[in-house]
């Protein structure tokens, strides 16, 4: 059994997952959340400590001894095949999480392509 992640550890994990997703060919960007949309109208500043995890990545764990559930929402490039982008994102995230969270049970990863640009 693994120890539960603190809020800051969960945020750091979400940021690592987000960086992995953004490095996959065919991904334009993670789907922005409402806070990101509102923030885009305000002047830019450094992110606050303890800021919300990356938009487009949601980590949940219904039971302390159960697997992590990772939901990813991305916007893909129009010229890329959507299903291939979704599979590549899932595979990349599963590989990254195998390193970051090696203790069983393995996390489940769901990828949704929410738009094309």
N, C-alpha and C. Protein backbone atom coordinates (compact mmCIF):
# COMPACT_ATOMS: atom_id res chain seq x y z
N UNK A 1 0.85 -1.18 0.00
CA UNK A 1 0.00 0.00 0.00
C UNK A 1 0.89 1.25 0.00
N UNK A 2 0.50 2.24 -0.77
CA UNK A 2 1.29 3.47 -0.84
C UNK A 2 0.65 4.53 0.03
N UNK A 3 1.48 5.47 0.46
CA UNK A 3 0.97 6.58 1.27
C UNK A 3 0.18 7.53 0.39
N UNK A 4 -0.88 8.15 0.92
CA UNK A 4 -1.64 9.10 0.12
C UNK A 4 -0.78 10.31 -0.25
N UNK A 5 -1.06 10.85 -1.43
CA UNK A 5 -0.33 12.03 -1.89
C UNK A 5 -0.88 13.29 -1.23
N UNK A 6 0.01 14.18 -0.85
CA UNK A 6 -0.42 15.47 -0.34
C UNK A 6 -0.93 16.29 -1.51
N UNK A 7 -1.55 17.40 -1.20
CA UNK A 7 -2.07 18.28 -2.25
C UNK A 7 -0.96 18.76 -3.17
N UNK A 8 0.17 19.14 -2.59
CA UNK A 8 1.28 19.63 -3.42
C UNK A 8 1.89 18.50 -4.25
N UNK A 9 1.94 17.29 -3.70
CA UNK A 9 2.45 16.15 -4.46
C UNK A 9 1.51 15.80 -5.60
N UNK A 10 0.21 15.89 -5.36
CA UNK A 10 -0.77 15.62 -6.42
C UNK A 10 -0.65 16.67 -7.53
N UNK A 11 -0.45 17.94 -7.14
CA UNK A 11 -0.28 19.01 -8.12
C UNK A 11 0.98 18.77 -8.94
N UNK A 12 2.07 18.38 -8.28
CA UNK A 12 3.32 18.10 -8.99
C UNK A 12 3.15 16.93 -9.94
N UNK A 13 2.43 15.90 -9.52
CA UNK A 13 2.17 14.75 -10.38
C UNK A 13 1.35 15.16 -11.59
N UNK A 14 0.32 15.98 -11.38
CA UNK A 14 -0.51 16.47 -12.49
C UNK A 14 0.33 17.29 -13.47
N UNK A 15 1.26 18.09 -12.95
CA UNK A 15 2.12 18.89 -13.82
C UNK A 15 3.05 18.01 -14.65
N UNK A 16 3.56 16.93 -14.06
CA UNK A 16 4.42 16.00 -14.80
C UNK A 16 3.63 15.28 -15.88
N UNK A 17 2.40 14.90 -15.55
CA UNK A 17 1.54 14.27 -16.55
C UNK A 17 1.25 15.26 -17.68
N UNK A 18 0.95 16.51 -17.32
CA UNK A 18 0.67 17.54 -18.33
C UNK A 18 1.86 17.75 -19.25
N UNK A 19 3.06 17.79 -18.69
CA UNK A 19 4.27 17.96 -19.51
C UNK A 19 4.44 16.78 -20.47
N UNK A 20 4.14 15.59 -20.00
CA UNK A 20 4.22 14.40 -20.85
C UNK A 20 3.22 14.50 -21.99
N UNK A 21 2.00 14.90 -21.67
CA UNK A 21 0.95 15.03 -22.69
C UNK A 21 1.35 16.05 -23.75
N UNK A 22 1.84 17.20 -23.30
CA UNK A 22 2.18 18.27 -24.24
C UNK A 22 3.35 17.92 -25.15
N UNK A 23 4.14 16.90 -24.78
CA UNK A 23 5.26 16.49 -25.62
C UNK A 23 4.87 15.48 -26.70
N UNK A 24 3.64 15.01 -26.67
CA UNK A 24 3.18 14.01 -27.66
C UNK A 24 2.88 14.71 -28.99
N UNK A 25 3.44 14.18 -30.09
CA UNK A 25 3.14 14.76 -31.40
C UNK A 25 1.64 14.71 -31.70
N UNK A 26 1.12 15.80 -32.24
CA UNK A 26 -0.30 15.88 -32.58
C UNK A 26 -1.14 16.57 -31.53
N UNK A 27 -0.57 16.78 -30.33
CA UNK A 27 -1.30 17.50 -29.28
C UNK A 27 -1.02 18.99 -29.44
N UNK A 28 -2.10 19.76 -29.57
CA UNK A 28 -1.95 21.21 -29.65
C UNK A 28 -1.77 21.78 -28.24
N UNK A 29 -2.65 21.40 -27.31
CA UNK A 29 -2.57 21.84 -25.93
C UNK A 29 -3.59 21.09 -25.11
N UNK A 30 -3.44 21.17 -23.79
CA UNK A 30 -4.43 20.62 -22.87
C UNK A 30 -5.64 21.54 -22.88
N UNK A 31 -6.81 20.97 -22.73
CA UNK A 31 -8.03 21.78 -22.72
C UNK A 31 -7.97 22.74 -21.54
N UNK A 32 -8.09 24.03 -21.81
CA UNK A 32 -8.03 24.99 -20.69
C UNK A 32 -9.29 24.89 -19.82
N UNK A 33 -9.09 25.07 -18.54
CA UNK A 33 -10.20 25.10 -17.61
C UNK A 33 -10.77 26.50 -17.49
N UNK A 34 -11.83 26.64 -16.76
CA UNK A 34 -12.47 27.94 -16.58
C UNK A 34 -11.51 28.95 -15.96
N UNK A 35 -10.75 28.52 -14.95
CA UNK A 35 -9.81 29.45 -14.31
C UNK A 35 -8.77 29.94 -15.31
N UNK A 36 -8.30 29.06 -16.20
CA UNK A 36 -7.32 29.46 -17.21
C UNK A 36 -7.93 30.45 -18.19
N UNK A 37 -9.18 30.26 -18.54
CA UNK A 37 -9.84 31.18 -19.47
C UNK A 37 -10.00 32.56 -18.84
N UNK A 38 -10.37 32.59 -17.57
CA UNK A 38 -10.52 33.87 -16.89
C UNK A 38 -9.15 34.51 -16.68
N UNK A 39 -8.16 33.70 -16.33
CA UNK A 39 -6.82 34.21 -16.08
C UNK A 39 -6.22 34.83 -17.34
N UNK A 40 -6.61 34.33 -18.52
CA UNK A 40 -6.03 34.85 -19.76
C UNK A 40 -6.43 36.30 -20.01
N UNK A 41 -7.46 36.79 -19.35
CA UNK A 41 -7.87 38.18 -19.52
C UNK A 41 -7.17 39.10 -18.53
N UNK A 42 -6.49 38.52 -17.55
CA UNK A 42 -5.79 39.30 -16.54
C UNK A 42 -4.31 39.40 -16.90
N UNK A 43 -3.61 40.39 -16.33
CA UNK A 43 -2.17 40.49 -16.58
C UNK A 43 -1.45 39.23 -16.10
N UNK A 44 -0.41 38.83 -16.83
CA UNK A 44 0.37 37.63 -16.49
C UNK A 44 1.21 37.88 -15.24
N UNK A 45 1.26 36.88 -14.38
CA UNK A 45 2.13 36.91 -13.22
C UNK A 45 2.58 35.49 -12.95
N UNK A 46 3.54 35.35 -12.07
CA UNK A 46 4.04 34.02 -11.73
C UNK A 46 2.93 33.24 -11.04
N UNK A 47 2.85 31.92 -11.29
CA UNK A 47 1.82 31.13 -10.63
C UNK A 47 2.03 31.10 -9.12
N UNK A 48 0.95 31.17 -8.41
CA UNK A 48 1.02 31.16 -6.95
C UNK A 48 1.38 29.77 -6.45
N UNK A 49 2.04 29.73 -5.30
CA UNK A 49 2.36 28.44 -4.70
C UNK A 49 1.05 27.74 -4.34
N UNK A 50 0.99 26.46 -4.60
CA UNK A 50 -0.24 25.71 -4.33
C UNK A 50 -1.33 25.99 -5.33
N UNK A 51 -0.96 26.47 -6.52
CA UNK A 51 -1.95 26.74 -7.56
C UNK A 51 -2.62 25.44 -7.98
N UNK A 52 -3.75 25.56 -8.62
CA UNK A 52 -4.49 24.40 -9.08
C UNK A 52 -3.67 23.61 -10.09
N UNK A 53 -3.88 22.29 -10.14
CA UNK A 53 -3.14 21.47 -11.09
C UNK A 53 -3.45 21.88 -12.53
N UNK A 54 -2.65 21.38 -13.44
CA UNK A 54 -2.80 21.71 -14.84
C UNK A 54 -4.22 21.40 -15.33
N UNK A 55 -4.80 22.36 -16.04
CA UNK A 55 -6.12 22.13 -16.62
C UNK A 55 -5.99 21.02 -17.64
N UNK A 56 -7.01 20.23 -17.80
CA UNK A 56 -6.98 19.14 -18.76
C UNK A 56 -6.47 17.84 -18.17
N UNK A 57 -5.96 17.87 -16.94
CA UNK A 57 -5.51 16.66 -16.26
C UNK A 57 -6.23 16.57 -14.93
N UNK A 58 -6.91 15.45 -14.71
CA UNK A 58 -7.62 15.25 -13.45
C UNK A 58 -7.19 13.92 -12.86
N UNK A 59 -6.72 13.96 -11.63
CA UNK A 59 -6.29 12.76 -10.91
C UNK A 59 -7.26 12.48 -9.78
N UNK A 60 -7.80 11.28 -9.75
CA UNK A 60 -8.69 10.90 -8.66
C UNK A 60 -8.30 9.50 -8.19
N UNK A 61 -8.64 9.23 -6.96
CA UNK A 61 -8.41 7.91 -6.39
C UNK A 61 -9.57 7.63 -5.44
N UNK A 62 -10.60 6.93 -5.94
CA UNK A 62 -11.79 6.70 -5.14
C UNK A 62 -11.52 5.98 -3.82
N UNK A 63 -10.61 5.02 -3.84
CA UNK A 63 -10.24 4.30 -2.62
C UNK A 63 -8.75 4.43 -2.39
N UNK A 64 -8.35 4.54 -1.15
CA UNK A 64 -6.94 4.73 -0.83
C UNK A 64 -6.07 3.58 -1.34
N UNK A 65 -6.60 2.37 -1.38
CA UNK A 65 -5.81 1.23 -1.85
C UNK A 65 -6.12 0.87 -3.30
N UNK A 66 -6.95 1.66 -3.95
CA UNK A 66 -7.31 1.39 -5.34
C UNK A 66 -6.40 2.12 -6.32
N UNK A 67 -6.63 1.90 -7.61
CA UNK A 67 -5.80 2.55 -8.61
C UNK A 67 -6.16 4.02 -8.79
N UNK A 68 -5.17 4.80 -9.23
CA UNK A 68 -5.41 6.18 -9.61
C UNK A 68 -6.17 6.18 -10.92
N UNK A 69 -7.07 7.13 -11.08
CA UNK A 69 -7.77 7.34 -12.34
C UNK A 69 -7.29 8.68 -12.89
N UNK A 70 -6.78 8.66 -14.10
CA UNK A 70 -6.24 9.86 -14.72
C UNK A 70 -7.11 10.18 -15.93
N UNK A 71 -7.74 11.35 -15.91
CA UNK A 71 -8.54 11.81 -17.04
C UNK A 71 -7.78 12.95 -17.71
N UNK A 72 -7.64 12.84 -19.02
CA UNK A 72 -6.90 13.85 -19.78
C UNK A 72 -7.78 14.36 -20.90
N UNK A 73 -7.86 15.68 -21.03
CA UNK A 73 -8.63 16.32 -22.10
C UNK A 73 -7.67 17.18 -22.91
N UNK A 74 -7.55 16.85 -24.20
CA UNK A 74 -6.61 17.57 -25.06
C UNK A 74 -7.31 18.12 -26.29
N UNK A 75 -6.67 19.12 -26.88
CA UNK A 75 -7.06 19.63 -28.19
C UNK A 75 -5.94 19.19 -29.13
N UNK A 76 -6.33 18.54 -30.22
CA UNK A 76 -5.35 17.99 -31.16
C UNK A 76 -5.20 18.89 -32.38
N UNK A 77 -4.08 18.68 -33.05
CA UNK A 77 -3.86 19.38 -34.32
C UNK A 77 -4.76 18.76 -35.39
N UNK A 78 -5.34 19.59 -36.23
CA UNK A 78 -6.29 19.13 -37.23
C UNK A 78 -5.68 18.10 -38.18
N UNK A 79 -4.40 18.26 -38.53
CA UNK A 79 -3.79 17.36 -39.51
C UNK A 79 -3.46 15.98 -38.92
N UNK A 80 -3.52 15.82 -37.61
CA UNK A 80 -3.23 14.54 -36.97
C UNK A 80 -4.50 13.70 -36.89
N UNK A 81 -4.32 12.39 -36.94
CA UNK A 81 -5.47 11.49 -36.76
C UNK A 81 -5.81 11.45 -35.28
N UNK A 82 -7.02 11.81 -34.97
CA UNK A 82 -7.46 11.96 -33.58
C UNK A 82 -7.25 10.69 -32.77
N UNK A 83 -7.62 9.55 -33.30
CA UNK A 83 -7.49 8.30 -32.55
C UNK A 83 -6.03 7.98 -32.27
N UNK A 84 -5.15 8.29 -33.21
CA UNK A 84 -3.72 8.04 -32.98
C UNK A 84 -3.15 8.97 -31.92
N UNK A 85 -3.61 10.21 -31.91
CA UNK A 85 -3.17 11.16 -30.88
C UNK A 85 -3.63 10.67 -29.51
N UNK A 86 -4.89 10.26 -29.39
CA UNK A 86 -5.43 9.79 -28.11
C UNK A 86 -4.65 8.56 -27.62
N UNK A 87 -4.37 7.63 -28.51
CA UNK A 87 -3.61 6.43 -28.12
C UNK A 87 -2.19 6.78 -27.71
N UNK A 88 -1.56 7.68 -28.46
CA UNK A 88 -0.18 8.08 -28.14
C UNK A 88 -0.12 8.77 -26.78
N UNK A 89 -1.11 9.61 -26.49
CA UNK A 89 -1.16 10.29 -25.19
C UNK A 89 -1.34 9.26 -24.08
N UNK A 90 -2.28 8.34 -24.26
CA UNK A 90 -2.52 7.31 -23.24
C UNK A 90 -1.25 6.49 -23.00
N UNK A 91 -0.60 6.05 -24.07
CA UNK A 91 0.61 5.23 -23.94
C UNK A 91 1.73 6.00 -23.23
N UNK A 92 1.93 7.27 -23.62
CA UNK A 92 2.99 8.08 -23.02
C UNK A 92 2.73 8.31 -21.53
N UNK A 93 1.48 8.57 -21.18
CA UNK A 93 1.14 8.82 -19.78
C UNK A 93 1.27 7.53 -18.97
N UNK A 94 0.84 6.40 -19.53
CA UNK A 94 0.98 5.13 -18.82
C UNK A 94 2.44 4.81 -18.54
N UNK A 95 3.32 5.06 -19.52
CA UNK A 95 4.75 4.82 -19.32
C UNK A 95 5.32 5.75 -18.25
N UNK A 96 4.93 7.02 -18.29
CA UNK A 96 5.43 7.99 -17.31
C UNK A 96 4.95 7.64 -15.90
N UNK A 97 3.69 7.24 -15.78
CA UNK A 97 3.14 6.89 -14.47
C UNK A 97 3.75 5.60 -13.93
N UNK A 98 4.16 4.69 -14.81
CA UNK A 98 4.81 3.47 -14.36
C UNK A 98 6.11 3.79 -13.63
N UNK A 99 6.75 4.88 -14.04
CA UNK A 99 7.98 5.33 -13.37
C UNK A 99 7.64 6.12 -12.10
N UNK A 100 6.66 7.00 -12.20
CA UNK A 100 6.32 7.88 -11.08
C UNK A 100 5.55 7.15 -9.96
N UNK A 101 4.71 6.19 -10.33
CA UNK A 101 3.90 5.44 -9.37
C UNK A 101 4.09 3.94 -9.61
N UNK A 102 5.25 3.40 -9.27
CA UNK A 102 5.55 2.01 -9.62
C UNK A 102 4.78 0.96 -8.81
N UNK A 103 4.27 1.32 -7.64
CA UNK A 103 3.56 0.34 -6.81
C UNK A 103 2.20 0.00 -7.42
N UNK A 104 1.82 -1.28 -7.38
CA UNK A 104 0.50 -1.66 -7.88
C UNK A 104 -0.59 -1.06 -7.01
N UNK A 105 -1.77 -0.91 -7.47
CA UNK A 105 -2.26 -1.23 -8.81
C UNK A 105 -1.92 -0.12 -9.81
N UNK A 106 -1.82 -0.51 -11.07
CA UNK A 106 -1.48 0.45 -12.13
C UNK A 106 -2.61 1.45 -12.32
N UNK A 107 -2.27 2.72 -12.57
CA UNK A 107 -3.31 3.73 -12.82
C UNK A 107 -4.08 3.45 -14.11
N UNK A 108 -5.32 3.88 -14.15
CA UNK A 108 -6.09 3.81 -15.39
C UNK A 108 -6.05 5.19 -16.02
N UNK A 109 -5.92 5.22 -17.34
CA UNK A 109 -5.79 6.49 -18.06
C UNK A 109 -6.87 6.56 -19.13
N UNK A 110 -7.63 7.66 -19.12
CA UNK A 110 -8.65 7.92 -20.13
C UNK A 110 -8.31 9.24 -20.81
N UNK A 111 -8.31 9.22 -22.15
CA UNK A 111 -7.98 10.42 -22.94
C UNK A 111 -9.17 10.80 -23.79
N UNK A 112 -9.54 12.07 -23.74
CA UNK A 112 -10.62 12.60 -24.58
C UNK A 112 -10.07 13.75 -25.39
N UNK A 113 -10.28 13.67 -26.70
CA UNK A 113 -9.91 14.79 -27.57
C UNK A 113 -11.14 15.67 -27.65
N UNK A 114 -11.03 16.90 -27.13
CA UNK A 114 -12.18 17.78 -27.02
C UNK A 114 -12.29 18.78 -28.16
N UNK A 115 -11.28 18.84 -29.01
CA UNK A 115 -11.34 19.78 -30.12
C UNK A 115 -10.15 19.63 -31.04
N UNK A 116 -10.22 20.32 -32.17
CA UNK A 116 -9.15 20.32 -33.17
C UNK A 116 -8.83 21.76 -33.53
N UNK A 117 -7.56 22.03 -33.77
CA UNK A 117 -7.14 23.35 -34.24
C UNK A 117 -6.23 23.19 -35.44
